[in-house]
Amino acid sequence: MEGIGFLTVLSGSMFLGSYVAGSIPIMFSMSESRMRMVSIFGAGLLLGTALSVIIPEGVESLYNGLLGEFLSIKTRRKRGITNIPEFTNLDNVRKRRGSPTLGPPAVITKEIENTGHPPHRTRGVHREIGYPLVFGFIFMLLVDQISSAAGSKSDRSGRNRMGISATIGLVVHAAADGIALGSASTTNKSDIQLIVFVAIMLHKGPAAFGLVSFLLLEGIDVRNARKHLIVFACAAPFATILTFVVLGALGNDSVASSGSSTGILMLFSAGTFLFVATVHVLPELVRFFC
């Protein structure tokens, strides 16, 4: 309950932060250059988080899931044990290997410690690292292209469709951010959760601000703009809670499947982060300083 409680607080903070940031264009006027600097800083932090936090944690989760599956199969085969303890990392294996009833056989422990990972299926895991990153990048590329194509009309209905498509694109991206936070929360590392949360908020704030500014510029009235903002603000918290609950349910059945699912989702979200940083932030940075 502590994990879901803390995650609920973070999700509520994401909603409030996004809504407040999106309400600024309605209530106040802010310098465009200042908002652009905040956006660049936030997206830069997003890139750093993807490279230094989310990708390493995703890779670790994949290997931990493989390790749990490997130990479960081997221990059942050697000992005939039906209830296998959850080995989440090599430290737990080393702590429990001295127990005659809980630990895996010494030959398995020695094999794992010598190689650093189970000797089988490592090539498959290596492929699983790259595929989610690529799919996350391509997914956001498709969302971006669809939004741009839908918003290329110049008439009134085209403007409305452009506003809706922009909202849909940002909602999908916000949901991907929520998946990242929900996946990070399953690692039970509060520092990782906070780093991902801060990176997301520094990116979502300017995104909410830009969304409402764009909608007002396209002639959408304030009431409908607020509706778009509420949908955008709810996307990430909803995806966060849903991801955490689904991965928690998987964890009750299989530690290996839970670890693999967490790793894949974290790497997928890292791919979406990399798209934002490389496709939107770098060109914006060049235009800002040129």
Protein backbone atom coordinates (compact mmCIF):
# COMPACT_ATOMS: atom_id res chain seq x y z
CA MET A 1 0.00 0.00 0.00
CA GLU A 2 2.92 2.33 0.60
CA GLY A 3 3.97 2.00 -3.04
CA ILE A 4 0.53 2.73 -4.44
CA GLY A 5 0.03 5.56 -1.94
CA PHE A 6 3.25 7.31 -2.95
CA LEU A 7 2.45 6.72 -6.61
CA THR A 8 -1.01 8.22 -6.12
CA VAL A 9 0.58 11.34 -4.66
CA LEU A 10 2.91 11.62 -7.64
CA SER A 11 0.02 11.06 -10.05
CA GLY A 12 -2.07 13.74 -8.36
CA SER A 13 0.89 16.10 -8.51
CA MET A 14 1.26 15.42 -12.22
CA PHE A 15 -2.39 16.26 -12.81
CA LEU A 16 -2.27 19.48 -10.78
CA GLY A 17 1.04 20.56 -12.28
CA SER A 18 -0.15 19.99 -15.83
CA TYR A 19 -3.47 21.73 -15.23
CA VAL A 20 -1.88 24.76 -13.57
CA ALA A 21 0.75 25.07 -16.30
CA GLY A 22 -1.92 24.79 -18.98
CA SER A 23 -4.06 27.43 -17.28
CA ILE A 24 -1.30 30.04 -17.44
CA PRO A 25 -2.04 31.11 -21.06
CA ILE A 26 -5.68 31.63 -20.08
CA MET A 27 -4.98 33.73 -16.98
CA PHE A 28 -1.58 35.31 -17.62
CA SER A 29 0.87 36.11 -20.35
CA MET A 30 4.44 34.78 -20.21
CA SER A 31 7.47 35.55 -22.28
CA GLU A 32 7.86 33.11 -25.16
CA SER A 33 11.63 33.01 -24.80
CA ARG A 34 11.35 32.14 -21.11
CA MET A 35 8.90 29.33 -21.76
CA ARG A 36 11.13 28.07 -24.54
CA MET A 37 14.08 27.93 -22.16
CA VAL A 38 12.03 25.97 -19.63
CA SER A 39 10.90 23.60 -22.37
CA ILE A 40 14.46 23.05 -23.59
CA PHE A 41 15.71 22.44 -20.05
CA GLY A 42 12.89 20.01 -19.31
CA ALA A 43 13.33 18.05 -22.51
CA GLY A 44 17.09 17.96 -21.97
CA LEU A 45 16.47 16.47 -18.55
CA LEU A 46 14.13 14.02 -20.25
CA LEU A 47 16.94 12.90 -22.56
CA GLY A 48 19.37 12.58 -19.66
CA THR A 49 16.83 10.58 -17.69
CA ALA A 50 16.28 8.20 -20.61
CA LEU A 51 20.00 7.59 -21.10
CA SER A 52 21.18 7.47 -17.49
CA VAL A 53 18.16 6.14 -15.57
CA ILE A 54 15.38 4.53 -17.60
CA ILE A 55 17.47 2.50 -20.06
CA PRO A 56 19.84 1.05 -17.40
CA GLU A 57 16.89 0.23 -15.13
CA GLY A 58 15.02 -1.38 -18.02
CA VAL A 59 18.02 -3.54 -18.92
CA GLU A 60 18.45 -4.55 -15.28
CA SER A 61 14.76 -5.50 -15.05
CA LEU A 62 15.05 -7.68 -18.16
CA TYR A 63 18.04 -9.56 -16.80
CA ASN A 64 16.48 -9.88 -13.35
CA GLY A 65 13.39 -11.39 -14.96
CA LEU A 66 15.54 -13.87 -16.87
CA LEU A 67 17.47 -14.67 -13.70
CA GLY A 68 14.27 -15.38 -11.77
CA GLU A 69 13.02 -17.69 -14.52
CA PHE A 70 16.37 -19.47 -14.75
CA LEU A 71 16.60 -20.07 -11.01
CA SER A 72 12.99 -21.22 -10.80
CA ILE A 73 13.37 -23.84 -13.52
CA LYS A 74 16.76 -25.10 -12.37
CA THR A 75 15.84 -25.25 -8.71
CA ARG A 76 12.64 -27.16 -9.38
CA ARG A 77 14.58 -29.61 -11.51
CA LYS A 78 17.34 -30.14 -8.94
CA ARG A 79 15.35 -30.02 -5.70
CA GLY A 80 11.74 -30.72 -6.63
CA ILE A 81 10.63 -27.57 -4.78
CA THR A 82 7.23 -26.15 -5.72
CA ASN A 83 7.38 -22.78 -3.93
CA ILE A 84 10.41 -20.93 -5.21
CA PRO A 85 11.44 -17.67 -3.49
CA GLU A 86 11.67 -14.47 -5.48
CA PHE A 87 15.25 -13.80 -6.55
CA THR A 88 15.24 -10.24 -7.77
CA ASN A 89 18.99 -9.80 -8.17
CA LEU A 90 22.33 -11.45 -7.62
CA ASP A 91 22.65 -10.04 -4.11
CA ASN A 92 19.59 -12.01 -2.99
CA VAL A 93 21.05 -15.13 -4.56
CA ARG A 94 24.28 -14.69 -2.63
CA LYS A 95 22.42 -14.04 0.63
CA ARG A 96 20.24 -17.12 0.32
CA ARG A 97 22.68 -19.64 -1.10
CA GLY A 98 23.71 -20.82 2.36
CA SER A 99 20.18 -21.97 3.20
CA PRO A 100 19.58 -25.69 2.54
CA THR A 101 15.87 -25.12 1.79
CA LEU A 102 15.60 -21.71 0.15
CA GLY A 103 18.74 -21.17 -1.89
CA PRO A 104 19.44 -22.57 -5.33
CA PRO A 105 21.92 -25.42 -5.73
CA ALA A 106 25.53 -24.40 -5.31
CA VAL A 107 26.42 -25.33 -8.88
CA ILE A 108 23.74 -22.95 -10.21
CA THR A 109 24.80 -20.14 -7.92
CA LYS A 110 28.42 -20.61 -8.93
CA GLU A 111 27.49 -20.64 -12.61
CA ILE A 112 25.50 -17.43 -12.27
CA GLU A 113 28.20 -15.66 -10.27
CA ASN A 114 30.92 -16.67 -12.75
CA THR A 115 29.03 -15.48 -15.82
CA GLY A 116 27.07 -12.59 -14.28
CA HIS A 117 23.85 -13.85 -15.85
CA PRO A 118 22.15 -17.12 -16.80
CA PRO A 119 24.00 -18.77 -19.70
CA HIS A 120 20.92 -19.34 -21.89
CA ARG A 121 18.69 -16.98 -23.88
CA THR A 122 21.04 -14.02 -23.50
CA ARG A 123 20.88 -13.30 -27.22
CA GLY A 124 17.11 -13.03 -26.96
CA VAL A 125 17.45 -10.57 -24.08
CA HIS A 126 19.92 -8.51 -26.09
CA ARG A 127 17.35 -8.22 -28.86
CA GLU A 128 14.66 -7.33 -26.33
CA ILE A 129 16.74 -4.34 -25.28
CA GLY A 130 16.81 -2.79 -28.73
CA TYR A 131 13.33 -3.59 -29.99
CA PRO A 132 11.35 -1.62 -27.36
CA LEU A 133 13.60 1.42 -27.86
CA VAL A 134 13.03 1.36 -31.62
CA PHE A 135 9.30 0.70 -31.28
CA GLY A 136 8.94 3.58 -28.80
CA PHE A 137 10.74 5.93 -31.18
CA ILE A 138 8.70 4.78 -34.21
CA PHE A 139 5.46 4.94 -32.23
CA MET A 140 5.98 8.61 -31.36
CA LEU A 141 7.12 9.30 -34.93
CA LEU A 142 3.82 7.92 -36.25
CA VAL A 143 1.83 9.91 -33.70
CA ASP A 144 3.72 13.06 -34.67
CA GLN A 145 3.24 12.48 -38.40
CA ILE A 146 -0.47 11.70 -38.05
CA SER A 147 -0.98 14.83 -35.95
CA SER A 148 0.87 16.97 -38.50
CA ALA A 149 -1.06 15.51 -41.43
CA ALA A 150 -4.41 15.97 -39.72
CA GLY A 151 -3.59 19.55 -38.90
CA SER A 152 -2.51 20.65 -42.37
CA LYS A 153 -5.96 22.00 -43.32
CA SER A 154 -6.56 25.74 -43.37
CA ASP A 155 -10.34 25.94 -43.06
CA ARG A 156 -12.35 26.21 -39.86
CA SER A 157 -13.07 22.49 -39.58
CA GLY A 158 -9.43 21.86 -40.37
CA ARG A 159 -8.43 24.05 -37.44
CA ASN A 160 -10.70 22.09 -35.14
CA ARG A 161 -9.24 18.83 -36.39
CA MET A 162 -5.77 20.26 -35.92
CA GLY A 163 -6.55 21.12 -32.31
CA ILE A 164 -8.01 17.68 -31.69
CA SER A 165 -5.08 15.92 -33.35
CA ALA A 166 -2.60 17.98 -31.34
CA THR A 167 -4.42 17.02 -28.16
CA ILE A 168 -4.48 13.34 -29.14
CA GLY A 169 -0.78 13.37 -29.92
CA LEU A 170 0.08 14.96 -26.58
CA VAL A 171 -2.30 12.63 -24.72
CA VAL A 172 -0.61 9.58 -26.24
CA HIS A 173 2.77 11.00 -25.34
CA ALA A 174 1.59 11.77 -21.82
CA ALA A 175 0.35 8.18 -21.52
CA ALA A 176 3.81 6.98 -22.54
CA ASP A 177 5.25 9.18 -19.78
CA GLY A 178 2.81 7.60 -17.35
CA ILE A 179 3.95 4.15 -18.44
CA ALA A 180 7.53 5.19 -17.68
CA LEU A 181 6.65 6.33 -14.16
CA GLY A 182 4.46 3.30 -13.50
CA SER A 183 7.20 0.95 -14.67
CA ALA A 184 9.81 2.75 -12.58
CA SER A 185 7.55 2.47 -9.54
CA THR A 186 7.58 -1.32 -9.71
CA THR A 187 11.33 -1.28 -8.98
CA ASN A 188 10.58 -0.05 -5.42
CA LYS A 189 13.26 2.61 -5.73
CA SER A 190 11.93 5.98 -4.61
CA ASP A 191 14.94 7.85 -5.99
CA ILE A 192 14.26 6.45 -9.47
CA GLN A 193 10.59 7.39 -9.15
CA LEU A 194 11.44 10.97 -8.18
CA ILE A 195 13.97 11.40 -10.98
CA VAL A 196 11.50 10.16 -13.59
CA PHE A 197 8.72 12.26 -12.04
CA VAL A 198 10.77 15.48 -12.13
CA ALA A 199 11.86 14.82 -15.70
CA ILE A 200 8.27 14.20 -16.79
CA MET A 201 6.92 17.27 -15.00
CA LEU A 202 9.54 19.59 -16.47
CA HIS A 203 8.45 18.30 -19.86
CA LYS A 204 4.69 18.15 -19.27
CA GLY A 205 4.43 21.69 -17.87
CA PRO A 206 5.65 23.41 -21.04
CA ALA A 207 3.70 20.86 -23.12
CA ALA A 208 0.44 21.78 -21.34
CA PHE A 209 1.26 25.47 -21.71
CA GLY A 210 1.99 25.04 -25.40
CA LEU A 211 -1.13 22.97 -26.00
CA VAL A 212 -3.51 25.56 -24.55
CA SER A 213 -1.66 28.41 -26.27
CA PHE A 214 -1.96 26.58 -29.58
CA LEU A 215 -5.66 25.84 -29.07
CA LEU A 216 -6.43 29.48 -28.25
CA LEU A 217 -4.41 30.60 -31.25
CA GLU A 218 -6.47 28.29 -33.48
CA GLY A 219 -9.66 30.00 -32.32
CA ILE A 220 -10.93 27.35 -29.90
CA ASP A 221 -12.89 28.91 -27.06
CA VAL A 222 -11.64 28.84 -23.47
CA ARG A 223 -14.21 26.29 -22.30
CA ASN A 224 -13.24 23.70 -24.90
CA ALA A 225 -9.56 24.46 -24.38
CA ARG A 226 -9.98 23.60 -20.70
CA LYS A 227 -11.62 20.30 -21.67
CA HIS A 228 -8.63 19.46 -23.85
CA LEU A 229 -6.34 20.41 -20.98
CA ILE A 230 -8.17 18.16 -18.50
CA VAL A 231 -7.92 15.19 -20.87
CA PHE A 232 -4.21 15.84 -21.32
CA ALA A 233 -3.62 16.26 -17.58
CA CYS A 234 -5.44 12.98 -16.78
CA ALA A 235 -3.58 10.87 -19.34
CA ALA A 236 -0.27 10.42 -17.52
CA PRO A 237 -1.72 9.76 -14.02
CA PHE A 238 -4.18 7.22 -15.43
CA ALA A 239 -1.46 5.42 -17.41
CA THR A 240 0.82 5.47 -14.35
CA ILE A 241 -1.70 3.80 -12.04
CA LEU A 242 -2.83 1.34 -14.72
CA THR A 243 0.75 0.29 -15.51
CA PHE A 244 1.60 -0.15 -11.83
CA VAL A 245 -1.52 -2.25 -11.18
CA VAL A 246 -1.04 -4.45 -14.27
CA LEU A 247 2.64 -5.10 -13.52
CA GLY A 248 1.76 -5.78 -9.89
CA ALA A 249 -0.80 -8.35 -10.99
CA LEU A 250 1.76 -10.00 -13.24
CA GLY A 251 4.19 -10.06 -10.34
CA ASN A 252 1.83 -12.14 -8.28
CA ASP A 253 1.97 -14.89 -10.88
CA SER A 254 5.52 -14.72 -12.14
CA VAL A 255 8.53 -12.75 -11.04
CA ALA A 256 10.20 -13.38 -14.37
CA SER A 257 7.27 -12.11 -16.45
CA SER A 258 6.88 -9.10 -14.17
CA GLY A 259 10.55 -8.15 -14.48
CA SER A 260 10.54 -8.64 -18.24
CA SER A 261 7.33 -6.61 -18.67
CA THR A 262 8.72 -3.80 -16.52
CA GLY A 263 11.95 -3.72 -18.49
CA ILE A 264 10.21 -3.72 -21.87
CA LEU A 265 7.83 -0.92 -20.88
CA MET A 266 10.65 1.19 -19.45
CA LEU A 267 12.70 0.76 -22.63
CA PHE A 268 9.64 1.58 -24.76
CA SER A 269 9.10 4.79 -22.80
CA ALA A 270 12.80 5.60 -23.14
CA GLY A 271 12.35 5.36 -26.91
CA THR A 272 9.54 7.92 -26.76
CA PHE A 273 11.75 10.19 -24.65
CA LEU A 274 14.56 9.91 -27.19
CA PHE A 275 12.17 10.88 -29.99
CA VAL A 276 11.11 14.04 -28.17
CA ALA A 277 14.69 15.00 -27.44
CA THR A 278 16.14 14.35 -30.89
CA VAL A 279 13.23 15.40 -33.14
CA HIS A 280 11.77 18.35 -31.22
CA VAL A 281 14.34 19.61 -28.72
CA LEU A 282 17.50 19.72 -30.82
CA PRO A 283 15.92 21.69 -33.72
CA GLU A 284 14.29 24.02 -31.19
CA LEU A 285 17.65 24.50 -29.49
CA VAL A 286 19.31 25.39 -32.79
CA ARG A 287 16.60 27.93 -33.64
CA PHE A 288 16.78 29.45 -30.18
CA PHE A 289 20.51 30.17 -30.22
CA CYS A 290 20.83 31.06 -33.92
